[in-house]
Amino acid sequence: MPRKQRTGKYKIKTHKATSKRFRVTGSGKLVRTKGGKSHLRRRTSKRTKRLFTEMLPVQGRGYIKRIHRLAPYLKKQES
């Protein structure tokens, strides 16, 4: 059986930490979670803890470019 011909392109490995931290919305925007929501939150006010839940859009063309380079297959989440 003959071997399959290569097209010359390489598969890029996804940076897993990046893929866990960022998501793409339905309109194609890149959003991120806020930092500091995992531990040491006992003294934090309820309002501040509630503000941790919202996702923020990533601003800056350089940041977006870097994230797409680290996670090239980052797509919309199908639910």
N, C-alpha and C. Protein backbone atom coordinates (compact mmCIF):
# COMPACT_ATOMS: atom_id res chain seq x y z
N MET A 1 0.85 -1.19 0.00
CA MET A 1 0.00 0.00 0.00
C MET A 1 0.89 1.25 0.00
N PRO A 2 0.70 2.18 -0.91
CA PRO A 2 1.56 3.36 -0.97
C PRO A 2 1.28 4.32 0.19
N ARG A 3 2.32 5.03 0.61
CA ARG A 3 2.18 5.99 1.70
C ARG A 3 1.49 7.25 1.23
N LYS A 4 0.80 7.91 2.14
CA LYS A 4 0.09 9.14 1.83
C LYS A 4 1.09 10.28 1.64
N GLN A 5 0.89 11.09 0.62
CA GLN A 5 1.79 12.20 0.34
C GLN A 5 1.58 13.32 1.35
N ARG A 6 2.67 13.94 1.77
CA ARG A 6 2.59 15.07 2.69
C ARG A 6 2.31 16.35 1.91
N THR A 7 1.58 17.26 2.54
CA THR A 7 1.27 18.53 1.90
C THR A 7 2.32 19.59 2.21
N GLY A 8 3.21 19.31 3.18
CA GLY A 8 4.25 20.27 3.52
C GLY A 8 3.94 21.10 4.74
N LYS A 9 2.70 21.04 5.22
CA LYS A 9 2.30 21.79 6.42
C LYS A 9 2.51 20.92 7.65
N TYR A 10 2.79 21.59 8.77
CA TYR A 10 2.97 20.88 10.03
C TYR A 10 1.77 21.12 10.92
N LYS A 11 1.49 20.12 11.75
CA LYS A 11 0.48 20.30 12.78
C LYS A 11 1.16 21.00 13.95
N ILE A 12 0.48 22.01 14.50
CA ILE A 12 1.05 22.77 15.60
C ILE A 12 0.41 22.28 16.90
N LYS A 13 1.25 22.08 17.92
CA LYS A 13 0.72 21.67 19.21
C LYS A 13 0.13 22.87 19.92
N THR A 14 -1.04 22.65 20.53
CA THR A 14 -1.72 23.71 21.27
C THR A 14 -1.09 23.84 22.64
N HIS A 15 -0.86 25.09 23.06
CA HIS A 15 -0.38 25.37 24.41
C HIS A 15 -1.58 25.23 25.33
N LYS A 16 -1.57 24.17 26.17
CA LYS A 16 -2.75 23.78 26.93
C LYS A 16 -3.18 24.83 27.94
N ALA A 17 -2.24 25.50 28.58
CA ALA A 17 -2.59 26.53 29.56
C ALA A 17 -3.35 27.68 28.89
N THR A 18 -2.95 28.01 27.66
CA THR A 18 -3.63 29.08 26.92
C THR A 18 -5.04 28.65 26.55
N SER A 19 -5.20 27.40 26.10
CA SER A 19 -6.53 26.95 25.69
C SER A 19 -7.50 26.86 26.86
N LYS A 20 -6.97 26.68 28.08
CA LYS A 20 -7.84 26.63 29.26
C LYS A 20 -8.22 28.02 29.75
N ARG A 21 -7.40 29.01 29.46
CA ARG A 21 -7.63 30.36 29.98
C ARG A 21 -8.47 31.24 29.07
N PHE A 22 -8.54 30.92 27.79
CA PHE A 22 -9.23 31.79 26.84
C PHE A 22 -10.33 31.03 26.10
N ARG A 23 -11.34 31.78 25.63
CA ARG A 23 -12.45 31.20 24.86
C ARG A 23 -12.80 32.15 23.75
N VAL A 24 -13.45 31.63 22.73
CA VAL A 24 -13.92 32.47 21.62
C VAL A 24 -15.44 32.53 21.71
N THR A 25 -16.00 33.73 21.65
CA THR A 25 -17.45 33.90 21.72
C THR A 25 -18.08 33.57 20.38
N GLY A 26 -19.39 33.61 20.35
CA GLY A 26 -20.12 33.33 19.12
C GLY A 26 -19.82 34.32 18.02
N SER A 27 -19.54 35.57 18.39
CA SER A 27 -19.23 36.59 17.38
C SER A 27 -17.76 36.57 16.98
N GLY A 28 -16.96 35.72 17.64
CA GLY A 28 -15.56 35.58 17.27
C GLY A 28 -14.60 36.36 18.15
N LYS A 29 -15.11 37.00 19.21
CA LYS A 29 -14.24 37.74 20.12
C LYS A 29 -13.50 36.79 21.03
N LEU A 30 -12.29 37.19 21.42
CA LEU A 30 -11.48 36.40 22.35
C LEU A 30 -11.74 36.94 23.75
N VAL A 31 -12.15 36.08 24.67
CA VAL A 31 -12.43 36.51 26.04
C VAL A 31 -11.58 35.74 27.03
N ARG A 32 -11.35 36.36 28.19
CA ARG A 32 -10.52 35.75 29.23
C ARG A 32 -11.23 35.84 30.57
N THR A 33 -10.81 35.00 31.51
CA THR A 33 -11.33 35.08 32.87
C THR A 33 -10.43 36.00 33.68
N LYS A 34 -10.91 36.43 34.81
CA LYS A 34 -10.12 37.28 35.68
C LYS A 34 -9.23 36.42 36.57
N GLY A 35 -8.09 36.95 36.94
CA GLY A 35 -7.19 36.25 37.83
C GLY A 35 -7.57 36.44 39.27
N GLY A 36 -7.08 35.56 40.15
CA GLY A 36 -7.30 35.71 41.58
C GLY A 36 -8.63 35.18 42.07
N LYS A 37 -9.22 34.21 41.38
CA LYS A 37 -10.52 33.70 41.82
C LYS A 37 -10.44 32.29 42.39
N SER A 38 -9.24 31.77 42.59
CA SER A 38 -9.15 30.38 43.04
C SER A 38 -9.05 30.21 44.55
N HIS A 39 -8.20 30.99 45.21
CA HIS A 39 -8.09 30.83 46.66
C HIS A 39 -7.78 32.16 47.33
N LEU A 40 -7.75 32.17 48.68
CA LEU A 40 -7.56 33.37 49.50
C LEU A 40 -8.67 34.39 49.25
N ARG A 41 -9.89 33.93 49.24
CA ARG A 41 -11.01 34.83 48.96
C ARG A 41 -11.93 35.01 50.15
N ARG A 42 -11.49 34.57 51.32
CA ARG A 42 -12.36 34.65 52.49
C ARG A 42 -12.63 36.08 52.91
N ARG A 43 -11.61 36.93 52.84
CA ARG A 43 -11.76 38.32 53.28
C ARG A 43 -12.32 39.22 52.17
N THR A 44 -12.47 38.68 50.99
CA THR A 44 -12.96 39.47 49.86
C THR A 44 -14.47 39.68 49.98
N SER A 45 -14.92 40.87 49.60
CA SER A 45 -16.35 41.17 49.70
C SER A 45 -17.14 40.36 48.67
N LYS A 46 -18.43 40.21 48.94
CA LYS A 46 -19.30 39.43 48.05
C LYS A 46 -19.37 40.07 46.66
N ARG A 47 -19.37 41.39 46.64
CA ARG A 47 -19.45 42.10 45.36
C ARG A 47 -18.21 41.82 44.51
N THR A 48 -17.05 41.85 45.14
CA THR A 48 -15.81 41.58 44.40
C THR A 48 -15.79 40.15 43.89
N LYS A 49 -16.25 39.21 44.72
CA LYS A 49 -16.28 37.80 44.30
C LYS A 49 -17.24 37.61 43.13
N ARG A 50 -18.33 38.35 43.13
CA ARG A 50 -19.30 38.25 42.04
C ARG A 50 -18.71 38.81 40.75
N LEU A 51 -17.87 39.85 40.87
CA LEU A 51 -17.25 40.44 39.69
C LEU A 51 -16.21 39.52 39.05
N PHE A 52 -15.69 38.55 39.82
CA PHE A 52 -14.71 37.61 39.29
C PHE A 52 -15.31 36.68 38.23
N THR A 53 -16.63 36.49 38.24
CA THR A 53 -17.25 35.50 37.36
C THR A 53 -17.33 35.96 35.91
N GLU A 54 -17.34 37.28 35.67
CA GLU A 54 -17.54 37.74 34.29
C GLU A 54 -16.29 37.57 33.44
N MET A 55 -16.50 37.37 32.16
CA MET A 55 -15.41 37.22 31.20
C MET A 55 -15.13 38.59 30.57
N LEU A 56 -13.85 38.88 30.37
CA LEU A 56 -13.45 40.16 29.79
C LEU A 56 -12.89 39.95 28.39
N PRO A 57 -13.22 40.83 27.44
CA PRO A 57 -12.63 40.69 26.11
C PRO A 57 -11.14 41.02 26.15
N VAL A 58 -10.36 40.31 25.38
CA VAL A 58 -8.91 40.56 25.31
C VAL A 58 -8.71 41.78 24.44
N GLN A 59 -7.96 42.77 24.96
CA GLN A 59 -7.72 43.99 24.21
C GLN A 59 -6.26 44.07 23.84
N GLY A 60 -6.00 44.55 22.67
CA GLY A 60 -4.63 44.68 22.18
C GLY A 60 -4.36 43.66 21.09
N ARG A 61 -3.98 44.16 19.92
CA ARG A 61 -3.75 43.27 18.78
C ARG A 61 -2.59 42.31 19.01
N GLY A 62 -1.58 42.78 19.75
CA GLY A 62 -0.43 41.93 20.03
C GLY A 62 -0.77 40.74 20.89
N TYR A 63 -1.62 40.98 21.91
CA TYR A 63 -2.05 39.88 22.78
C TYR A 63 -2.86 38.85 22.00
N ILE A 64 -3.79 39.33 21.18
CA ILE A 64 -4.64 38.43 20.41
C ILE A 64 -3.80 37.60 19.45
N LYS A 65 -2.82 38.24 18.83
CA LYS A 65 -1.93 37.54 17.90
C LYS A 65 -1.15 36.45 18.62
N ARG A 66 -0.65 36.75 19.81
CA ARG A 66 0.12 35.78 20.58
C ARG A 66 -0.74 34.60 21.01
N ILE A 67 -1.97 34.87 21.43
CA ILE A 67 -2.88 33.80 21.87
C ILE A 67 -3.22 32.89 20.70
N HIS A 68 -3.46 33.47 19.52
CA HIS A 68 -3.76 32.64 18.36
C HIS A 68 -2.56 31.82 17.92
N ARG A 69 -1.36 32.33 18.18
CA ARG A 69 -0.16 31.57 17.86
C ARG A 69 0.01 30.39 18.82
N LEU A 70 -0.32 30.62 20.11
CA LEU A 70 -0.19 29.56 21.11
C LEU A 70 -1.30 28.51 20.99
N ALA A 71 -2.50 28.95 20.63
CA ALA A 71 -3.63 28.04 20.50
C ALA A 71 -4.27 28.25 19.13
N PRO A 72 -3.67 27.69 18.07
CA PRO A 72 -4.16 28.00 16.72
C PRO A 72 -5.52 27.40 16.39
N TYR A 73 -5.92 26.36 17.13
CA TYR A 73 -7.19 25.70 16.83
C TYR A 73 -8.29 26.10 17.80
N LEU A 74 -8.10 27.23 18.48
CA LEU A 74 -9.09 27.73 19.43
C LEU A 74 -10.33 28.15 18.66
N LYS A 75 -11.43 27.50 18.94
CA LYS A 75 -12.67 27.78 18.20
C LYS A 75 -13.81 28.02 19.17
N LYS A 76 -14.97 28.29 18.58
CA LYS A 76 -16.17 28.48 19.40
C LYS A 76 -16.53 27.17 20.08
N GLN A 77 -17.07 27.28 21.31
CA GLN A 77 -17.47 26.10 22.07
C GLN A 77 -18.85 25.69 21.61
N GLU A 78 -18.99 24.43 21.18
CA GLU A 78 -20.33 23.93 20.80
C GLU A 78 -21.00 23.41 22.05
N SER A 79 -22.22 23.89 22.32
CA SER A 79 -22.93 23.44 23.52
C SER A 79 -24.22 22.73 23.15
